Amino acid sequence: MTHQVSGRRAQVLHAIREAGPVGVAELARRLALHPNSVRFHLDQLVADELVERVPGAARGPGRPAAEYRVPPVTARGRDRRYEVLAEILLTGGPDGPEAAGAAWGRRLPERPGTPAQVVRLLDGLGFAPEPGGDPHRVRLRHCPFHELAGRHRDAVCAVHLGMLSGALEGGPLRARQLLPFAEPDACVVELEETRE
């Protein structure tokens, strides 16, 4: 499920992305907020699995204060869809993983025509997409084939790109490229308008 983040909570999330692991006091200072306000937003971001709490660095006696970071794309969620991957590869023919993904994508009932519809499709496929300021650039926060992507990235990412290309075929958009682990916490899909 995609969690829409806006307002103050989006500012907290953005500050964590920029700072890396960061504590409540530092976030409060950066955002000119009261620490209790920061904690309130952090609790929700942790509950939504957009941020994770990690032990901070020891700075003297006692237990170190918690810090917060955006989890890497590999750590997000537990939803795995290996049956889908097996079906794609077993029914896709001999032309390679991207062609197999495209053949499977063409069979999807949803044919997205706008970036917002692409985000909805990717969410339904388990990628936890996050649209950004540029509607043609979509961050993928979760990989449903993650463990295999770590060992066979080229093949798994080719399947992903093929899936989206097949779903978009014949429409006003196309998947220009998929950038694996383009950011510490996300892969990125770049879309572009098709030309007549």
Protein backbone atom coordinates (compact mmCIF):
# COMPACT_ATOMS: atom_id res chain seq x y z
CA MET A 1 0.00 0.00 0.00
CA THR A 2 1.34 3.44 -0.93
CA HIS A 3 1.26 5.96 1.90
CA GLN A 4 0.68 9.54 0.83
CA VAL A 5 2.88 11.87 2.86
CA SER A 6 2.29 15.59 2.87
CA GLY A 7 2.73 18.71 4.97
CA ARG A 8 4.98 18.65 8.00
CA ARG A 9 5.41 14.86 7.84
CA ALA A 10 6.77 15.15 4.28
CA GLN A 11 9.25 17.75 5.53
CA VAL A 12 10.43 15.37 8.26
CA LEU A 13 10.79 12.55 5.72
CA HIS A 14 12.74 14.81 3.34
CA ALA A 15 15.08 15.93 6.14
CA ILE A 16 15.80 12.30 7.05
CA ARG A 17 16.53 11.47 3.41
CA GLU A 18 19.01 14.37 3.24
CA ALA A 19 20.69 13.81 6.60
CA GLY A 20 20.90 10.02 6.70
CA PRO A 21 20.58 8.50 10.16
CA VAL A 22 19.57 11.45 12.34
CA GLY A 23 18.23 11.93 15.84
CA VAL A 24 15.17 13.77 17.09
CA ALA A 25 17.11 16.77 18.41
CA GLU A 26 18.90 17.31 15.10
CA LEU A 27 15.66 16.97 13.14
CA ALA A 28 13.96 19.46 15.46
CA ARG A 29 16.84 21.90 14.94
CA ARG A 30 16.83 21.50 11.15
CA LEU A 31 13.08 21.93 10.87
CA ALA A 32 12.61 24.51 13.65
CA LEU A 33 10.07 22.23 15.34
CA HIS A 34 9.57 21.14 18.92
CA PRO A 35 11.09 17.66 19.54
CA ASN A 36 7.67 16.31 20.61
CA SER A 37 6.24 17.40 17.25
CA VAL A 38 9.09 15.62 15.46
CA ARG A 39 8.49 12.45 17.53
CA PHE A 40 4.79 12.49 16.63
CA HIS A 41 5.58 12.53 12.89
CA LEU A 42 8.38 9.98 13.29
CA ASP A 43 6.04 7.52 15.01
CA GLN A 44 3.67 7.66 12.03
CA LEU A 45 6.48 7.39 9.48
CA VAL A 46 7.82 4.32 11.32
CA ALA A 47 4.32 2.78 11.46
CA ASP A 48 3.97 3.35 7.70
CA GLU A 49 7.41 1.70 7.16
CA LEU A 50 8.72 4.84 5.44
CA VAL A 51 11.33 5.36 8.16
CA GLU A 52 13.08 2.96 10.50
CA ARG A 53 14.45 3.48 14.00
CA VAL A 54 18.09 2.43 14.44
CA PRO A 55 20.52 2.65 17.38
CA GLY A 56 22.49 5.89 17.31
CA ALA A 57 26.21 6.27 17.85
CA ALA A 58 27.35 6.11 21.49
CA ARG A 59 28.28 9.57 22.75
CA GLY A 60 29.13 8.82 26.35
CA PRO A 61 27.74 6.65 29.12
CA GLY A 62 24.26 5.23 28.84
CA ARG A 63 22.22 3.88 26.02
CA PRO A 64 22.63 5.80 22.75
CA ALA A 65 19.64 7.78 21.51
CA ALA A 66 17.68 6.33 18.61
CA GLU A 67 18.24 7.70 15.14
CA TYR A 68 15.98 7.51 12.13
CA ARG A 69 16.72 6.68 8.51
CA VAL A 70 14.89 5.85 5.34
CA PRO A 71 15.28 2.09 4.92
CA PRO A 72 17.08 0.86 1.84
CA VAL A 73 14.85 -0.45 -0.93
CA THR A 74 15.93 -3.96 0.03
CA ALA A 75 14.57 -3.72 3.56
CA ARG A 76 11.07 -2.48 2.78
CA GLY A 77 8.23 -4.83 3.40
CA ARG A 78 8.04 -8.60 3.22
CA ASP A 79 5.73 -9.01 0.23
CA ARG A 80 7.41 -11.32 -2.24
CA ARG A 81 5.85 -12.47 -5.51
CA TYR A 82 8.04 -15.27 -6.76
CA GLU A 83 5.07 -17.11 -8.29
CA VAL A 84 4.61 -14.11 -10.59
CA LEU A 85 8.28 -14.16 -11.55
CA ALA A 86 8.13 -17.91 -12.23
CA GLU A 87 5.02 -17.48 -14.40
CA ILE A 88 6.64 -14.65 -16.35
CA LEU A 89 9.81 -16.60 -17.04
CA LEU A 90 8.08 -19.93 -17.75
CA THR A 91 5.50 -18.52 -20.17
CA GLY A 92 7.55 -15.75 -21.77
CA GLY A 93 9.37 -17.69 -24.45
CA PRO A 94 13.04 -17.81 -25.40
CA ASP A 95 13.64 -14.10 -26.08
CA GLY A 96 15.00 -13.17 -22.67
CA PRO A 97 13.68 -11.67 -19.42
CA GLU A 98 12.63 -8.26 -20.76
CA ALA A 99 10.60 -9.81 -23.58
CA ALA A 100 9.07 -12.26 -21.09
CA GLY A 101 8.13 -9.38 -18.78
CA ALA A 102 6.63 -7.44 -21.71
CA ALA A 103 4.51 -10.41 -22.80
CA TRP A 104 3.18 -10.73 -19.25
CA GLY A 105 2.59 -6.95 -18.98
CA ARG A 106 0.53 -6.94 -22.18
CA ARG A 107 -1.88 -9.39 -20.52
CA LEU A 108 -2.58 -7.10 -17.56
CA PRO A 109 -6.17 -5.79 -17.58
CA GLU A 110 -5.12 -2.27 -16.55
CA ARG A 111 -3.69 -0.12 -19.37
CA PRO A 112 -2.32 3.01 -17.71
CA GLY A 113 -2.40 6.20 -19.77
CA THR A 114 -1.21 8.76 -17.21
CA PRO A 115 1.68 8.83 -14.72
CA ALA A 116 -0.86 8.60 -11.86
CA GLN A 117 -2.31 5.43 -13.39
CA VAL A 118 1.21 4.00 -13.74
CA VAL A 119 1.76 4.64 -10.01
CA ARG A 120 -1.51 2.85 -9.23
CA LEU A 121 -0.49 -0.13 -11.39
CA LEU A 122 2.95 -0.34 -9.78
CA ASP A 123 1.36 -0.18 -6.34
CA GLY A 124 -0.90 -3.10 -7.23
CA LEU A 125 2.16 -5.07 -8.38
CA GLY A 126 3.87 -4.58 -5.01
CA PHE A 127 6.52 -1.95 -5.82
CA ALA A 128 5.41 0.66 -3.22
CA PRO A 129 5.84 3.49 -5.73
CA GLU A 130 6.33 7.09 -4.69
CA PRO A 131 5.65 9.81 -7.23
CA GLY A 132 7.95 12.79 -6.93
CA GLY A 133 7.94 16.36 -8.18
CA ASP A 134 8.43 15.10 -11.74
CA PRO A 135 5.42 12.94 -12.67
CA HIS A 136 7.55 11.08 -15.22
CA ARG A 137 9.97 9.87 -12.53
CA VAL A 138 8.59 7.28 -10.10
CA ARG A 139 10.55 5.93 -7.13
CA LEU A 140 10.08 2.22 -6.38
CA ARG A 141 10.48 1.62 -2.65
CA HIS A 142 9.99 -2.16 -2.66
CA CYS A 143 11.13 -5.02 -4.87
CA PRO A 144 8.82 -8.03 -4.87
CA PHE A 145 11.72 -10.16 -6.18
CA HIS A 146 14.34 -8.62 -3.91
CA GLU A 147 16.49 -11.58 -2.92
CA LEU A 148 16.92 -12.62 -6.55
CA ALA A 149 17.52 -9.01 -7.62
CA GLY A 150 20.56 -8.94 -5.37
CA ARG A 151 22.12 -11.92 -7.17
CA HIS A 152 20.64 -11.54 -10.67
CA ARG A 153 19.96 -7.83 -10.94
CA ASP A 154 20.19 -7.54 -14.73
CA ALA A 155 17.63 -10.28 -15.32
CA VAL A 156 15.19 -9.23 -12.57
CA CYS A 157 15.33 -5.54 -13.49
CA ALA A 158 14.84 -6.47 -17.17
CA VAL A 159 11.68 -8.38 -16.17
CA HIS A 160 10.43 -5.31 -14.25
CA LEU A 161 11.09 -2.97 -17.17
CA GLY A 162 9.46 -5.43 -19.55
CA MET A 163 6.36 -5.76 -17.35
CA LEU A 164 5.83 -2.01 -17.38
CA SER A 165 6.68 -1.68 -21.09
CA GLY A 166 4.13 -4.36 -21.96
CA ALA A 167 1.44 -2.73 -19.82
CA LEU A 168 2.08 0.65 -21.49
CA GLU A 169 2.33 -0.68 -25.04
CA GLY A 170 0.22 1.27 -27.53
CA GLY A 171 -0.57 4.03 -25.04
CA PRO A 172 0.58 7.63 -24.64
CA LEU A 173 3.46 6.72 -22.28
CA ARG A 174 6.43 4.41 -22.41
CA ALA A 175 8.94 3.28 -19.81
CA ARG A 176 12.17 4.97 -20.92
CA GLN A 177 14.39 3.23 -18.38
CA LEU A 178 14.58 1.58 -14.99
CA LEU A 179 17.47 2.71 -12.81
CA PRO A 180 18.23 -0.04 -10.27
CA PHE A 181 19.09 1.32 -6.81
CA ALA A 182 19.36 4.84 -8.25
CA GLU A 183 18.89 6.14 -4.72
CA PRO A 184 19.89 4.52 -1.44
CA ASP A 185 16.24 3.73 -0.68
CA ALA A 186 14.70 3.31 -4.13
CA CYS A 187 14.95 2.23 -7.71
CA VAL A 188 13.59 4.73 -10.24
CA VAL A 189 11.42 4.31 -13.34
CA GLU A 190 11.57 7.10 -15.89
CA LEU A 191 8.55 7.54 -18.15
CA GLU A 192 8.22 9.57 -21.33
CA GLU A 193 5.48 10.52 -23.74
CA THR A 194 5.33 8.40 -26.87
CA ARG A 195 5.68 10.24 -30.14
CA GLU A 196 3.18 9.76 -32.95
